[in-house]
Amino acid sequence: MFTIARSASLGRLRQVSPQTTQNRRLLSVNVMGKAEESTSMKIKQWIKENPYMAVLSGVYLAWELSPVGPTRMMFKLFEDMKKKKSAEEARWQRIEITVPSNLQEGDFMSIQNPNFPGQAFKCQIPKGKVAGDIFKAKLPR
């Protein structure tokens, strides 16, 4: 006895024997049984099949996580760059300045340093700023 089934790949109707259907069911049961195999069992099986690769992977992982490994070196590099930038920023104070009415963009103006009275600095008014606009300038601390 035959049943009619739609072929998934071709989209056509075709006859399927009961034996074929039974084989497909068995195949799907076997696939499900293999899917239930745990990850730890797969890892153990891989270690048994590839002992040298397992040792090399362990050594590499230990080196990677050590204080002299490449990952730690990159983190240290970024930490040093961040410290250097924050030390540089600590030397400067940002103040807000309002553009006077008699000046325009590109003009220089004189500013009194609030940290050192009597010390004057020149700063240039940035492009796009008009009288009454506010911009920021850096002064040494």
N, C-alpha and C. Protein backbone atom coordinates (compact mmCIF):
# COMPACT_ATOMS: atom_id res chain seq x y z
N MET A 1 0.85 -1.18 0.00
CA MET A 1 0.00 0.00 0.00
C MET A 1 0.90 1.25 0.00
N PHE A 2 0.55 2.20 -0.81
CA PHE A 2 1.32 3.43 -0.94
C PHE A 2 0.51 4.61 -0.43
N THR A 3 1.22 5.61 0.10
CA THR A 3 0.57 6.87 0.48
C THR A 3 1.15 7.97 -0.39
N ILE A 4 0.42 9.05 -0.50
CA ILE A 4 0.89 10.17 -1.31
C ILE A 4 1.45 11.22 -0.36
N ALA A 5 2.67 11.69 -0.67
CA ALA A 5 3.32 12.70 0.15
C ALA A 5 3.91 13.77 -0.75
N ARG A 6 4.08 14.95 -0.22
CA ARG A 6 4.67 16.06 -0.98
C ARG A 6 6.17 16.04 -0.73
N SER A 7 6.93 16.10 -1.79
CA SER A 7 8.39 16.14 -1.70
C SER A 7 8.79 17.54 -1.28
N ALA A 8 9.56 17.65 -0.21
CA ALA A 8 9.95 18.95 0.32
C ALA A 8 10.89 19.68 -0.63
N SER A 9 11.80 18.95 -1.25
CA SER A 9 12.78 19.60 -2.10
C SER A 9 12.21 19.99 -3.46
N LEU A 10 11.31 19.20 -4.00
CA LEU A 10 10.80 19.48 -5.34
C LEU A 10 9.41 20.10 -5.35
N GLY A 11 8.68 19.94 -4.26
CA GLY A 11 7.34 20.49 -4.18
C GLY A 11 6.33 19.71 -4.99
N ARG A 12 6.64 18.48 -5.37
CA ARG A 12 5.74 17.65 -6.17
C ARG A 12 5.14 16.55 -5.32
N LEU A 13 4.02 16.04 -5.76
CA LEU A 13 3.41 14.90 -5.08
C LEU A 13 4.07 13.62 -5.59
N ARG A 14 4.33 12.68 -4.70
CA ARG A 14 4.93 11.40 -5.10
C ARG A 14 4.41 10.31 -4.18
N GLN A 15 4.59 9.04 -4.61
CA GLN A 15 4.15 7.91 -3.81
C GLN A 15 5.27 7.51 -2.85
N VAL A 16 4.88 7.21 -1.60
CA VAL A 16 5.84 6.81 -0.58
C VAL A 16 5.38 5.47 -0.02
N SER A 17 6.29 4.52 0.03
CA SER A 17 5.94 3.20 0.58
C SER A 17 5.97 3.25 2.10
N PRO A 18 5.24 2.36 2.78
CA PRO A 18 5.25 2.33 4.24
C PRO A 18 6.64 2.06 4.80
N GLN A 19 7.46 1.28 4.08
CA GLN A 19 8.82 0.98 4.55
C GLN A 19 9.65 2.27 4.62
N THR A 20 9.50 3.13 3.61
CA THR A 20 10.23 4.41 3.59
C THR A 20 9.81 5.27 4.76
N THR A 21 8.52 5.33 5.03
CA THR A 21 8.02 6.12 6.16
C THR A 21 8.58 5.58 7.47
N GLN A 22 8.61 4.26 7.62
CA GLN A 22 9.13 3.65 8.84
C GLN A 22 10.63 3.95 8.99
N ASN A 23 11.38 3.90 7.89
CA ASN A 23 12.81 4.21 7.94
C ASN A 23 13.05 5.66 8.35
N ARG A 24 12.22 6.55 7.84
CA ARG A 24 12.35 7.96 8.22
C ARG A 24 12.08 8.16 9.71
N ARG A 25 11.08 7.48 10.24
CA ARG A 25 10.78 7.58 11.67
C ARG A 25 11.95 7.08 12.50
N LEU A 26 12.53 5.96 12.10
CA LEU A 26 13.68 5.42 12.82
C LEU A 26 14.86 6.38 12.76
N LEU A 27 15.05 6.98 11.60
CA LEU A 27 16.15 7.92 11.44
C LEU A 27 15.95 9.13 12.34
N SER A 28 14.73 9.64 12.41
CA SER A 28 14.47 10.81 13.25
C SER A 28 14.63 10.46 14.73
N VAL A 29 14.30 9.25 15.13
CA VAL A 29 14.49 8.82 16.52
C VAL A 29 15.98 8.74 16.84
N ASN A 30 16.78 8.21 15.90
CA ASN A 30 18.23 8.13 16.11
C ASN A 30 18.86 9.51 16.21
N VAL A 31 18.40 10.45 15.38
CA VAL A 31 18.93 11.81 15.43
C VAL A 31 18.60 12.44 16.77
N MET A 32 17.39 12.23 17.27
CA MET A 32 17.01 12.77 18.57
C MET A 32 17.85 12.16 19.68
N GLY A 33 18.14 10.88 19.58
CA GLY A 33 18.95 10.21 20.59
C GLY A 33 20.35 10.77 20.63
N LYS A 34 20.92 11.10 19.48
CA LYS A 34 22.26 11.69 19.43
C LYS A 34 22.25 13.12 19.96
N ALA A 35 21.17 13.84 19.75
CA ALA A 35 21.08 15.22 20.20
C ALA A 35 21.07 15.31 21.72
N GLU A 36 20.66 14.23 22.40
CA GLU A 36 20.61 14.25 23.86
C GLU A 36 21.97 14.00 24.50
N GLU A 37 22.99 13.69 23.70
CA GLU A 37 24.33 13.46 24.24
C GLU A 37 24.84 14.78 24.82
N SER A 38 25.34 14.75 26.03
CA SER A 38 25.72 15.98 26.71
C SER A 38 27.02 16.55 26.13
N THR A 39 27.21 17.83 26.37
CA THR A 39 28.40 18.51 25.89
C THR A 39 29.64 17.96 26.56
N SER A 40 29.55 17.64 27.83
CA SER A 40 30.73 17.11 28.53
C SER A 40 31.17 15.78 27.93
N MET A 41 30.21 14.97 27.50
CA MET A 41 30.56 13.70 26.86
C MET A 41 31.26 13.95 25.52
N LYS A 42 30.78 14.95 24.78
CA LYS A 42 31.42 15.29 23.51
C LYS A 42 32.84 15.78 23.74
N ILE A 43 33.04 16.58 24.78
CA ILE A 43 34.38 17.09 25.09
C ILE A 43 35.30 15.95 25.49
N LYS A 44 34.82 15.05 26.32
CA LYS A 44 35.63 13.90 26.73
C LYS A 44 36.01 13.05 25.52
N GLN A 45 35.06 12.86 24.63
CA GLN A 45 35.34 12.06 23.43
C GLN A 45 36.38 12.78 22.55
N TRP A 46 36.28 14.10 22.42
CA TRP A 46 37.24 14.86 21.63
C TRP A 46 38.64 14.77 22.24
N ILE A 47 38.72 14.84 23.58
CA ILE A 47 40.01 14.73 24.26
C ILE A 47 40.64 13.36 24.01
N LYS A 48 39.83 12.32 24.03
CA LYS A 48 40.35 10.97 23.76
C LYS A 48 40.85 10.85 22.32
N GLU A 49 40.15 11.48 21.39
CA GLU A 49 40.53 11.40 19.99
C GLU A 49 41.71 12.30 19.65
N ASN A 50 41.88 13.42 20.36
CA ASN A 50 42.92 14.41 20.06
C ASN A 50 43.70 14.78 21.32
N PRO A 51 44.49 13.86 21.90
CA PRO A 51 45.16 14.17 23.16
C PRO A 51 46.19 15.30 23.05
N TYR A 52 46.94 15.35 21.94
CA TYR A 52 47.95 16.40 21.80
C TYR A 52 47.29 17.77 21.64
N MET A 53 46.23 17.84 20.88
CA MET A 53 45.52 19.09 20.70
C MET A 53 44.89 19.56 22.01
N ALA A 54 44.42 18.61 22.81
CA ALA A 54 43.83 18.96 24.11
C ALA A 54 44.90 19.57 25.02
N VAL A 55 46.09 19.00 25.03
CA VAL A 55 47.18 19.53 25.86
C VAL A 55 47.57 20.92 25.38
N LEU A 56 47.73 21.07 24.06
CA LEU A 56 48.09 22.38 23.52
C LEU A 56 47.02 23.42 23.82
N SER A 57 45.76 23.04 23.74
CA SER A 57 44.67 23.98 24.04
C SER A 57 44.71 24.40 25.50
N GLY A 58 45.00 23.45 26.39
CA GLY A 58 45.10 23.77 27.82
C GLY A 58 46.25 24.70 28.10
N VAL A 59 47.40 24.45 27.48
CA VAL A 59 48.57 25.31 27.68
C VAL A 59 48.29 26.71 27.14
N TYR A 60 47.68 26.78 25.96
CA TYR A 60 47.35 28.09 25.38
C TYR A 60 46.38 28.86 26.27
N LEU A 61 45.38 28.18 26.78
CA LEU A 61 44.40 28.82 27.65
C LEU A 61 45.06 29.34 28.92
N ALA A 62 45.96 28.53 29.51
CA ALA A 62 46.66 28.97 30.72
C ALA A 62 47.53 30.19 30.42
N TRP A 63 48.21 30.19 29.27
CA TRP A 63 49.05 31.32 28.91
C TRP A 63 48.21 32.57 28.63
N GLU A 64 47.09 32.36 27.97
CA GLU A 64 46.20 33.48 27.63
C GLU A 64 45.68 34.18 28.88
N LEU A 65 45.38 33.42 29.91
CA LEU A 65 44.81 33.99 31.13
C LEU A 65 45.86 34.42 32.15
N SER A 66 47.13 34.14 31.87
CA SER A 66 48.19 34.50 32.81
C SER A 66 48.44 36.00 32.77
N PRO A 67 49.15 36.55 33.78
CA PRO A 67 49.42 38.00 33.80
C PRO A 67 50.32 38.47 32.66
N VAL A 68 51.04 37.57 32.00
CA VAL A 68 51.91 37.97 30.90
C VAL A 68 51.32 37.59 29.54
N GLY A 69 50.12 37.09 29.51
CA GLY A 69 49.48 36.69 28.26
C GLY A 69 49.06 37.89 27.44
N PRO A 70 48.72 37.69 26.18
CA PRO A 70 48.37 38.81 25.29
C PRO A 70 47.13 39.58 25.72
N THR A 71 46.15 38.89 26.28
CA THR A 71 44.94 39.58 26.71
C THR A 71 45.25 40.55 27.84
N ARG A 72 46.01 40.10 28.82
CA ARG A 72 46.38 40.96 29.95
C ARG A 72 47.23 42.13 29.47
N MET A 73 48.11 41.86 28.50
CA MET A 73 48.95 42.94 27.97
C MET A 73 48.09 44.02 27.31
N MET A 74 47.06 43.62 26.57
CA MET A 74 46.19 44.60 25.92
C MET A 74 45.40 45.39 26.96
N PHE A 75 44.89 44.71 28.00
CA PHE A 75 44.19 45.42 29.07
C PHE A 75 45.11 46.42 29.75
N LYS A 76 46.35 46.02 29.98
CA LYS A 76 47.32 46.91 30.62
C LYS A 76 47.61 48.12 29.74
N LEU A 77 47.71 47.90 28.44
CA LEU A 77 47.95 48.99 27.51
C LEU A 77 46.80 50.00 27.56
N PHE A 78 45.55 49.51 27.54
CA PHE A 78 44.39 50.39 27.62
C PHE A 78 44.32 51.11 28.96
N GLU A 79 44.65 50.42 30.06
CA GLU A 79 44.65 51.05 31.37
C GLU A 79 45.68 52.17 31.42
N ASP A 80 46.87 51.92 30.87
CA ASP A 80 47.91 52.95 30.85
C ASP A 80 47.49 54.16 30.03
N MET A 81 46.84 53.90 28.88
CA MET A 81 46.37 55.02 28.05
C MET A 81 45.31 55.83 28.79
N LYS A 82 44.43 55.15 29.51
CA LYS A 82 43.37 55.84 30.26
C LYS A 82 43.97 56.68 31.39
N LYS A 83 44.96 56.13 32.10
CA LYS A 83 45.62 56.88 33.18
C LYS A 83 46.34 58.11 32.63
N LYS A 84 47.01 57.95 31.49
CA LYS A 84 47.74 59.05 30.89
C LYS A 84 46.79 60.17 30.47
N LYS A 85 45.64 59.76 29.90
CA LYS A 85 44.65 60.75 29.47
C LYS A 85 44.05 61.49 30.67
N SER A 86 43.74 60.74 31.74
CA SER A 86 43.15 61.39 32.92
C SER A 86 44.17 62.30 33.61
N ALA A 87 45.45 61.92 33.60
CA ALA A 87 46.49 62.78 34.18
C ALA A 87 46.62 64.06 33.38
N GLU A 88 46.51 63.94 32.05
CA GLU A 88 46.58 65.13 31.19
C GLU A 88 45.37 66.03 31.42
N GLU A 89 44.19 65.43 31.54
CA GLU A 89 42.98 66.22 31.78
C GLU A 89 43.01 66.90 33.15
N ALA A 90 43.68 66.29 34.12
CA ALA A 90 43.76 66.88 35.46
C ALA A 90 44.59 68.16 35.45
N ARG A 91 45.45 68.31 34.46
CA ARG A 91 46.29 69.51 34.37
C ARG A 91 45.52 70.71 33.85
N TRP A 92 44.37 70.47 33.23
CA TRP A 92 43.62 71.54 32.60
C TRP A 92 42.24 71.72 33.24
N GLN A 93 41.76 72.94 33.19
CA GLN A 93 40.42 73.25 33.68
C GLN A 93 39.61 73.79 32.51
N ARG A 94 38.43 73.26 32.31
CA ARG A 94 37.56 73.76 31.24
C ARG A 94 36.63 74.83 31.82
N ILE A 95 36.61 75.96 31.16
CA ILE A 95 35.71 77.03 31.59
C ILE A 95 34.82 77.43 30.41
N GLU A 96 33.64 77.94 30.74
CA GLU A 96 32.71 78.40 29.71
C GLU A 96 32.88 79.90 29.54
N ILE A 97 32.95 80.32 28.29
CA ILE A 97 33.16 81.74 27.97
C ILE A 97 32.03 82.18 27.04
N THR A 98 31.47 83.34 27.33
CA THR A 98 30.45 83.93 26.47
C THR A 98 31.14 84.88 25.49
N VAL A 99 30.79 84.80 24.23
CA VAL A 99 31.40 85.65 23.20
C VAL A 99 30.90 87.09 23.42
N PRO A 100 31.83 88.03 23.58
CA PRO A 100 31.42 89.44 23.76
C PRO A 100 30.77 89.99 22.48
N SER A 101 30.00 91.05 22.63
CA SER A 101 29.26 91.61 21.50
C SER A 101 30.17 92.28 20.47
N ASN A 102 31.35 92.72 20.89
CA ASN A 102 32.22 93.43 19.95
C ASN A 102 33.16 92.49 19.18
N LEU A 103 33.10 91.17 19.42
CA LEU A 103 33.98 90.22 18.74
C LEU A 103 33.16 89.24 17.90
N GLN A 104 33.82 88.62 16.93
CA GLN A 104 33.18 87.64 16.07
C GLN A 104 34.10 86.42 15.92
N GLU A 105 33.66 85.40 15.17
CA GLU A 105 34.44 84.17 15.04
C GLU A 105 35.81 84.45 14.44
N GLY A 106 36.82 83.77 14.99
CA GLY A 106 38.19 83.92 14.51
C GLY A 106 38.98 84.99 15.25
N ASP A 107 38.30 85.87 15.98
CA ASP A 107 39.01 86.91 16.74
C ASP A 107 39.62 86.31 18.00
N PHE A 108 40.68 86.94 18.48
CA PHE A 108 41.32 86.53 19.74
C PHE A 108 40.83 87.41 20.86
N MET A 109 40.67 86.81 22.02
CA MET A 109 40.27 87.58 23.20
C MET A 109 41.15 87.19 24.38
N SER A 110 41.29 88.05 25.32
CA SER A 110 42.13 87.85 26.49
C SER A 110 41.27 87.40 27.67
N ILE A 111 41.74 86.38 28.40
CA ILE A 111 41.00 85.83 29.53
C ILE A 111 41.91 85.83 30.76
N GLN A 112 41.35 86.19 31.90
CA GLN A 112 42.08 86.12 33.16
C GLN A 112 41.94 84.71 33.72
N ASN A 113 43.05 84.10 34.11
CA ASN A 113 43.03 82.75 34.67
C ASN A 113 42.49 82.82 36.10
N PRO A 114 41.38 82.12 36.40
CA PRO A 114 40.82 82.18 37.75
C PRO A 114 41.72 81.49 38.79
N ASN A 115 42.58 80.58 38.36
CA ASN A 115 43.47 79.88 39.29
C ASN A 115 44.70 80.71 39.65
N PHE A 116 45.14 81.56 38.73
CA PHE A 116 46.31 82.41 38.97
C PHE A 116 45.94 83.85 38.63
N PRO A 117 45.45 84.63 39.61
CA PRO A 117 45.04 86.02 39.35
C PRO A 117 46.21 86.82 38.75
N GLY A 118 45.89 87.63 37.78
CA GLY A 118 46.89 88.45 37.12
C GLY A 118 47.50 87.78 35.90
N GLN A 119 47.24 86.51 35.70
CA GLN A 119 47.78 85.79 34.55
C GLN A 119 46.71 85.77 33.45
N ALA A 120 47.05 86.29 32.28
CA ALA A 120 46.09 86.38 31.18
C ALA A 120 46.45 85.36 30.09
N PHE A 121 45.40 84.85 29.46
CA PHE A 121 45.56 83.92 28.33
C PHE A 121 44.78 84.44 27.15
N LYS A 122 45.26 84.13 25.97
CA LYS A 122 44.54 84.49 24.75
C LYS A 122 43.87 83.23 24.21
N CYS A 123 42.64 83.39 23.78
CA CYS A 123 41.95 82.27 23.13
C CYS A 123 41.24 82.80 21.90
N GLN A 124 41.06 81.93 20.92
CA GLN A 124 40.41 82.29 19.68
C GLN A 124 38.95 81.85 19.72
N ILE A 125 38.06 82.70 19.25
CA ILE A 125 36.64 82.37 19.21
C ILE A 125 36.42 81.37 18.08
N PRO A 126 35.81 80.20 18.40
CA PRO A 126 35.63 79.16 17.38
C PRO A 126 34.70 79.59 16.25
N LYS A 127 34.82 78.88 15.12
CA LYS A 127 33.96 79.16 13.97
C LYS A 127 32.50 78.84 14.32
N GLY A 128 31.61 79.66 13.79
CA GLY A 128 30.19 79.43 14.01
C GLY A 128 29.64 80.09 15.27
N LYS A 129 30.49 80.71 16.06
CA LYS A 129 30.05 81.37 17.29
C LYS A 129 29.87 82.86 17.04
N VAL A 130 28.74 83.39 17.53
CA VAL A 130 28.44 84.82 17.39
C VAL A 130 28.28 85.41 18.78
N ALA A 131 28.07 86.71 18.84
CA ALA A 131 27.94 87.41 20.12
C ALA A 131 26.83 86.78 20.96
N GLY A 132 27.15 86.46 22.21
CA GLY A 132 26.18 85.87 23.13
C GLY A 132 26.27 84.36 23.21
N ASP A 133 26.92 83.71 22.25
CA ASP A 133 27.10 82.24 22.29
C ASP A 133 28.15 81.87 23.33
N ILE A 134 28.04 80.64 23.82
CA ILE A 134 28.96 80.14 24.83
C ILE A 134 29.84 79.06 24.22
N PHE A 135 31.15 79.13 24.51
CA PHE A 135 32.07 78.06 24.11
C PHE A 135 32.97 77.73 25.27
N LYS A 136 33.67 76.59 25.18
CA LYS A 136 34.54 76.15 26.26
C LYS A 136 35.99 76.33 25.88
N ALA A 137 36.81 76.69 26.88
CA ALA A 137 38.24 76.84 26.67
C ALA A 137 38.95 76.11 27.81
N LYS A 138 40.18 75.66 27.53
CA LYS A 138 40.98 74.97 28.55
C LYS A 138 42.05 75.92 29.08
N LEU A 139 42.12 75.97 30.40
CA LEU A 139 43.15 76.78 31.08
C LEU A 139 43.97 75.88 31.98
N PRO A 140 45.27 76.14 32.12
CA PRO A 140 46.07 75.32 33.02
C PRO A 140 45.69 75.56 34.47
N ARG A 141 45.81 74.52 35.29
CA ARG A 141 45.47 74.67 36.72
C ARG A 141 46.66 75.12 37.49
